[in-house]
Structures are given as structure tokens and as C-alpha cells.
């Protein structure tokens, strides 16, 4: 079992991720290795630890929490006994996690789906234990997949922008082959996600040229992928509505940003 990281470190790493090209994430630390945030948010959070916060921060945290629940219909469903099995899967936590800055909100944990290969996928909202950060940030969210582990932490703002990816792992098969398994959390209204594979990063000014794609049907806000062509992990994806309409293209389809990695 992985250890819970410190929220402050998670925010710093999130700033680095926000400044870079979206990528699928490999297996992360428990309850995440990055909550998506700009560098200014990181600095502000650290300042808040020393100086406290006021009604404006509390209001922002309340809005963040309401936005997360608004985006994810899975969180609006009543909690069931299947949802509560998550405690048995992850507890007891290692003793070294006692001082962690993150605590799951057990009442909001939801079993989103069971993958075609039989793994349970849980959405796990969490709260900073630090009272100041909790008032400022409100809920963040992680994804936990049986057999893979935890995703990065994400804010509500990551979900509609297509930046809530993970966790992911390359898995050997009995026939000697390998597949890449990874996940995306998407807002209500997205029925299917298609992910495109790249063999190489495009040069400056060159359009991305996918070599193939894999699609996943969304169940309770989660798209679960099993890709026999792991590719580069750079995110090029399309969200579709139930009627097949394109909702959004995720990633840099023109190429220049990709070429700077």
C-alpha cells in the first residue's frame, strides 16, 4: 500500500503539471501526488498556513465543494453498502500516514464502476486536515482502482478541462503481451471518451498524427481504458455526448506545445 503524501508537496507538483502538456499519469502515491493548481495557488496556500484565512476563503471552499458535487452525478447518489466496502479495501492505513494532511471524506466515497477486467473503481473525495487549507480549498478528489492504486489529487476545476487522469499501469497478460490501463474522470453529460495514441511527439509546427485510438464508455463519471498500444501517454482525447455529438477535444492537437516537451 502506498503512503499518503503531504498536501503542500502535492500542490507544488500540481503547479508543475498545470504548466506542462497534459499527460496520462502513472501509478501515484495514495490520495494523490498532485492537486491541479497554479503556482500562485501554491504560494497562497503556504501563506495561509502561517496567516490564517477569512470568510472569503471559507466561501471559496464552499463553492469548490458544491462545484465538485455538481459536476459528478456519482457523488449525488446515496451511499450504498458497495460504496462502503472501500474502507475494508484500504484500511488500516500504514502507521506512517497518521500525520498526513489529507483525509478521505468517507461519506462521499462512491464505487463508480467495475472494469471489464473486474477491478473496482472508486471516486474518493478528500479534505485537507489542516484547518486553514480545508477552509480555503474545500474538497479535492482522487480515484482509487483495485490492483492499480491511487490517482493524483484533483480540484473540481480539473474535471471540466479534461485534466483529471489516472491512475495508470502497464499490465502483463497471460499470453505474454501487455496492456496499458488508465482512467479519466469526466463531468456529467460525457457518455464516451476516445483516446488517441501517438508514436512520436510532433516537431514544432507539425500537427499530431495518432497511430490508433481506444474508446471507453463512461460509467458514473469514469472512463476506463485498456490499450494494447501504450504509446507516449500524451493526452489527445475527445469527449462525446450520448447522441454522438463532440463535446470537447482534450490536449494539443496542433503540435507546438507537444514539441516543447
Protein backbone atom coordinates (compact mmCIF):
# COMPACT_ATOMS: atom_id res chain seq x y z
CA UNK A 1 0.00 0.00 0.00
CA UNK A 2 1.28 3.49 -0.83
CA UNK A 3 1.67 6.26 1.70
CA UNK A 4 -0.36 9.47 1.82
CA UNK A 5 1.76 12.46 0.69
CA UNK A 6 1.78 15.91 2.18
CA UNK A 7 -0.76 18.26 0.60
CA UNK A 8 1.77 21.04 0.29
CA UNK A 9 4.07 18.88 -1.85
CA UNK A 10 1.05 17.80 -3.87
CA UNK A 11 0.16 21.40 -4.63
CA UNK A 12 3.70 22.20 -5.73
CA UNK A 13 3.75 19.25 -8.10
CA UNK A 14 0.34 20.32 -9.35
CA UNK A 15 1.71 23.68 -10.34
CA UNK A 16 4.34 21.93 -12.44
CA UNK A 17 1.64 19.80 -14.07
CA UNK A 18 -0.55 22.81 -14.84
CA UNK A 19 2.37 24.44 -16.65
CA UNK A 20 3.08 21.36 -18.78
CA UNK A 21 1.33 19.41 -21.51
CA UNK A 22 -1.43 17.09 -20.21
CA UNK A 23 -0.22 13.51 -19.79
CA UNK A 24 -1.70 10.32 -18.52
CA UNK A 25 -0.35 9.60 -15.08
CA UNK A 26 1.44 6.50 -13.93
CA UNK A 27 0.68 4.85 -10.61
CA UNK A 28 0.71 7.61 -7.98
CA UNK A 29 1.01 7.81 -4.20
CA UNK A 30 -2.07 7.15 -2.08
CA UNK A 31 -4.50 10.05 -2.19
CA UNK A 32 -2.58 11.57 -4.99
CA UNK A 33 0.71 13.15 -5.91
CA UNK A 34 -0.73 16.38 -7.35
CA UNK A 35 -3.81 18.53 -6.89
CA UNK A 36 -4.09 20.64 -10.01
CA UNK A 37 -3.35 24.27 -9.14
CA UNK A 38 -1.41 27.22 -10.46
CA UNK A 39 1.83 28.35 -8.83
CA UNK A 40 0.02 31.32 -7.31
CA UNK A 41 -2.39 28.97 -5.57
CA UNK A 42 0.54 27.05 -4.08
CA UNK A 43 2.11 30.23 -2.76
CA UNK A 44 -1.22 31.44 -1.42
CA UNK A 45 -1.85 28.15 0.34
CA UNK A 46 1.52 28.25 2.07
CA UNK A 47 0.94 31.85 3.13
CA UNK A 48 -2.46 30.89 4.51
CA UNK A 49 -0.88 28.28 6.75
CA UNK A 50 1.02 30.99 8.55
CA UNK A 51 -1.52 33.81 8.47
CA UNK A 52 -4.95 32.23 8.57
CA UNK A 53 -7.90 32.95 6.32
CA UNK A 54 -11.24 34.64 6.49
CA UNK A 55 -14.81 34.46 5.19
CA UNK A 56 -13.66 34.84 1.58
CA UNK A 57 -11.57 31.64 1.82
CA UNK A 58 -14.40 29.79 3.51
CA UNK A 59 -16.76 30.89 0.75
CA UNK A 60 -14.31 29.70 -1.90
CA UNK A 61 -14.03 26.29 -0.22
CA UNK A 62 -17.82 26.00 -0.11
CA UNK A 63 -18.06 26.84 -3.80
CA UNK A 64 -15.34 24.31 -4.64
CA UNK A 65 -17.20 21.59 -2.78
CA UNK A 66 -20.54 22.46 -4.37
CA UNK A 67 -18.93 22.53 -7.81
CA UNK A 68 -17.43 19.06 -7.37
CA UNK A 69 -20.79 17.57 -6.42
CA UNK A 70 -22.48 19.47 -9.25
CA UNK A 71 -20.08 18.05 -11.84
CA UNK A 72 -20.18 14.41 -10.71
CA UNK A 73 -23.57 12.73 -10.59
CA UNK A 74 -21.94 9.73 -8.91
CA UNK A 75 -21.41 11.85 -5.78
CA UNK A 76 -25.09 12.82 -5.70
CA UNK A 77 -26.23 9.22 -5.43
CA UNK A 78 -26.99 7.82 -1.96
CA UNK A 79 -24.09 5.89 -0.47
CA UNK A 80 -24.60 2.12 -0.60
CA UNK A 81 -23.03 -0.86 1.11
CA UNK A 82 -20.94 -1.41 -2.04
CA UNK A 83 -19.55 2.12 -1.67
CA UNK A 84 -18.68 1.45 1.97
CA UNK A 85 -16.59 -1.60 1.09
CA UNK A 86 -13.85 0.87 0.16
CA UNK A 87 -12.89 1.17 3.84
CA UNK A 88 -12.13 -2.52 4.02
CA UNK A 89 -10.03 -2.37 0.87
CA UNK A 90 -7.71 0.43 2.01
CA UNK A 91 -7.72 0.22 5.82
CA UNK A 92 -5.84 0.04 8.05
CA UNK A 93 -3.62 2.75 6.63
CA UNK A 94 0.10 2.46 7.38
CA UNK A 95 1.12 3.98 10.71
CA UNK A 96 3.34 6.48 8.95
CA UNK A 97 0.29 8.15 7.41
CA UNK A 98 -1.02 9.40 10.75
CA UNK A 99 0.43 12.88 10.18
CA UNK A 100 -0.85 13.22 6.64
CA UNK A 101 -2.52 16.44 5.55
CA UNK A 102 -5.24 14.51 3.70
CA UNK A 103 -8.23 12.54 4.96
CA UNK A 104 -10.85 10.82 2.77
CA UNK A 105 -14.41 12.04 3.21
CA UNK A 106 -15.74 8.53 3.80
CA UNK A 107 -19.38 9.60 3.45
CA UNK A 108 -18.79 10.76 -0.14
CA UNK A 109 -16.79 7.76 -1.42
CA UNK A 110 -18.58 6.09 -4.33
CA UNK A 111 -17.98 2.87 -6.27
CA UNK A 112 -18.14 4.33 -9.78
CA UNK A 113 -17.74 1.19 -11.87
CA UNK A 114 -16.25 -2.27 -12.19
CA UNK A 115 -13.91 -2.52 -15.18
CA UNK A 116 -14.26 -5.18 -17.90
CA UNK A 117 -11.29 -6.95 -16.28
CA UNK A 118 -13.02 -6.99 -12.86
CA UNK A 119 -11.35 -4.13 -10.96
CA UNK A 120 -13.42 -1.85 -8.74
CA UNK A 121 -13.04 1.89 -9.35
CA UNK A 122 -13.84 4.30 -6.51
CA UNK A 123 -14.17 8.07 -6.53
CA UNK A 124 -12.66 9.34 -3.27
CA UNK A 125 -13.31 12.97 -2.25
CA UNK A 126 -10.85 14.11 0.42
CA UNK A 127 -10.26 17.05 2.72
CA UNK A 128 -7.06 18.70 3.93
CA UNK A 129 -6.63 18.09 7.66
CA UNK A 130 -5.03 21.48 8.05
CA UNK A 131 -7.96 23.68 9.06
CA UNK A 132 -6.75 26.70 7.11
CA UNK A 133 -6.25 24.75 3.89
CA UNK A 134 -9.57 22.99 4.40
CA UNK A 135 -11.36 26.34 4.61
CA UNK A 136 -9.53 27.65 1.58
CA UNK A 137 -9.64 24.62 -0.75
CA UNK A 138 -12.60 22.50 0.37
CA UNK A 139 -12.85 19.09 -1.25
CA UNK A 140 -10.31 17.60 -3.62
CA UNK A 141 -10.82 14.22 -5.29
CA UNK A 142 -8.79 11.12 -6.12
CA UNK A 143 -9.54 7.91 -7.97
CA UNK A 144 -8.63 4.50 -6.50
CA UNK A 145 -8.53 1.41 -8.70
CA UNK A 146 -8.28 -2.12 -7.37
CA UNK A 147 -4.97 -3.61 -8.48
CA UNK A 148 -3.54 -0.25 -9.60
CA UNK A 149 -3.83 2.14 -6.67
CA UNK A 150 -4.36 5.88 -6.34
CA UNK A 151 -4.51 8.68 -8.85
CA UNK A 152 -3.29 12.21 -8.33
CA UNK A 153 -5.45 14.58 -6.36
CA UNK A 154 -7.53 16.96 -8.46
CA UNK A 155 -9.63 20.04 -7.84
CA UNK A 156 -13.14 20.46 -9.19
CA UNK A 157 -11.70 22.80 -11.85
CA UNK A 158 -9.65 19.93 -13.32
CA UNK A 159 -12.70 17.89 -14.30
CA UNK A 160 -14.36 20.07 -16.98
CA UNK A 161 -10.95 20.87 -18.51
CA UNK A 162 -10.12 17.19 -19.04
CA UNK A 163 -7.21 17.22 -16.60
CA UNK A 164 -8.36 14.51 -14.17
CA UNK A 165 -6.44 11.48 -15.49
CA UNK A 166 -5.16 8.48 -13.60
CA UNK A 167 -4.15 6.19 -12.15
CA UNK A 168 -2.45 4.07 -14.77
CA UNK A 169 -0.33 0.94 -15.04
CA UNK A 170 1.16 -1.34 -17.69
CA UNK A 171 -0.08 -4.86 -17.00
CA UNK A 172 1.35 -8.16 -18.33
CA UNK A 173 -1.16 -10.61 -19.82
CA UNK A 174 -1.15 -14.38 -19.67
CA UNK A 175 -0.35 -14.62 -23.37
CA UNK A 176 2.86 -12.65 -22.85
CA UNK A 177 1.51 -9.37 -24.14
CA UNK A 178 0.99 -6.14 -22.23
CA UNK A 179 -1.77 -3.56 -21.98
CA UNK A 180 -1.91 -0.07 -20.59
CA UNK A 181 -4.81 0.52 -18.19
CA UNK A 182 -5.74 4.08 -17.30
CA UNK A 183 -8.75 6.18 -16.35
CA UNK A 184 -10.34 9.58 -16.75
CA UNK A 185 -12.92 11.29 -14.54
CA UNK A 186 -15.35 13.32 -16.63
CA UNK A 187 -18.31 15.59 -15.84
CA UNK A 188 -21.97 14.69 -16.25
CA UNK A 189 -23.07 14.55 -19.89
CA UNK A 190 -19.98 12.79 -21.25
CA UNK A 191 -21.03 9.32 -22.44
CA UNK A 192 -17.90 8.13 -24.23
CA UNK A 193 -14.23 9.09 -24.42
CA UNK A 194 -11.85 8.24 -27.26
CA UNK A 195 -8.13 8.36 -26.52
CA UNK A 196 -5.61 8.64 -29.38
CA UNK A 197 -2.12 7.07 -29.36
CA UNK A 198 1.00 8.78 -30.65
CA UNK A 199 4.17 7.01 -31.80
CA UNK A 200 6.28 10.17 -31.52
CA UNK A 201 5.97 13.77 -30.47
CA UNK A 202 5.35 16.13 -33.40
CA UNK A 203 8.00 18.64 -34.37
CA UNK A 204 7.43 22.36 -33.99
CA UNK A 205 4.51 23.46 -36.13
CA UNK A 206 3.61 19.90 -37.08
CA UNK A 207 0.15 18.50 -36.34
CA UNK A 208 -0.16 15.49 -34.06
CA UNK A 209 -0.54 12.23 -36.01
CA UNK A 210 -2.20 9.50 -33.97
CA UNK A 211 -1.40 5.88 -34.84
CA UNK A 212 -4.57 4.46 -33.33
CA UNK A 213 -7.22 5.01 -30.72
CA UNK A 214 -9.18 3.27 -27.99
CA UNK A 215 -12.67 4.21 -26.75
CA UNK A 216 -14.30 3.75 -23.36
CA UNK A 217 -17.92 4.10 -22.30
CA UNK A 218 -18.38 6.31 -19.26
CA UNK A 219 -19.90 4.76 -16.13
CA UNK A 220 -20.68 7.09 -13.21
CA UNK A 221 -18.25 9.74 -14.48
CA UNK A 222 -15.36 7.30 -15.07
CA UNK A 223 -13.92 6.14 -18.41
CA UNK A 224 -11.75 3.02 -18.02
CA UNK A 225 -9.28 2.27 -20.83
CA UNK A 226 -7.36 -0.87 -21.74
CA UNK A 227 -4.95 -0.05 -24.55
CA UNK A 228 -2.72 -2.66 -26.27
CA UNK A 229 -0.61 0.20 -27.67
CA UNK A 230 0.61 2.14 -24.62
CA UNK A 231 2.12 4.89 -26.77
CA UNK A 232 3.64 8.04 -25.25
CA UNK A 233 0.98 8.81 -22.68
CA UNK A 234 0.39 12.31 -24.06
CA UNK A 235 -3.29 13.20 -23.81
CA UNK A 236 -5.20 13.53 -27.08
CA UNK A 237 -8.83 12.68 -26.42
CA UNK A 238 -12.36 13.51 -27.49
CA UNK A 239 -15.47 13.59 -25.29
CA UNK A 240 -18.79 12.52 -26.82
CA UNK A 241 -22.38 13.11 -25.72
CA UNK A 242 -24.93 10.25 -25.65
CA UNK A 243 -26.13 11.27 -29.13
CA UNK A 244 -22.59 11.11 -30.56
CA UNK A 245 -22.05 14.87 -30.60
CA UNK A 246 -18.48 16.01 -29.87
CA UNK A 247 -18.42 17.85 -26.55
CA UNK A 248 -14.73 18.68 -26.27
CA UNK A 249 -11.28 17.88 -27.62
CA UNK A 250 -8.66 17.40 -24.91
CA UNK A 251 -4.96 18.07 -25.46
CA UNK A 252 -2.93 19.94 -28.05
CA UNK A 253 -3.98 18.68 -31.48
CA UNK A 254 -1.86 21.22 -33.39
CA UNK A 255 1.51 20.09 -32.09
CA UNK A 256 3.64 23.08 -30.99
CA UNK A 257 3.10 22.52 -27.25
CA UNK A 258 3.87 18.84 -27.60
CA UNK A 259 7.09 19.60 -29.41
CA UNK A 260 8.41 21.60 -26.46
CA UNK A 261 8.41 18.63 -24.07
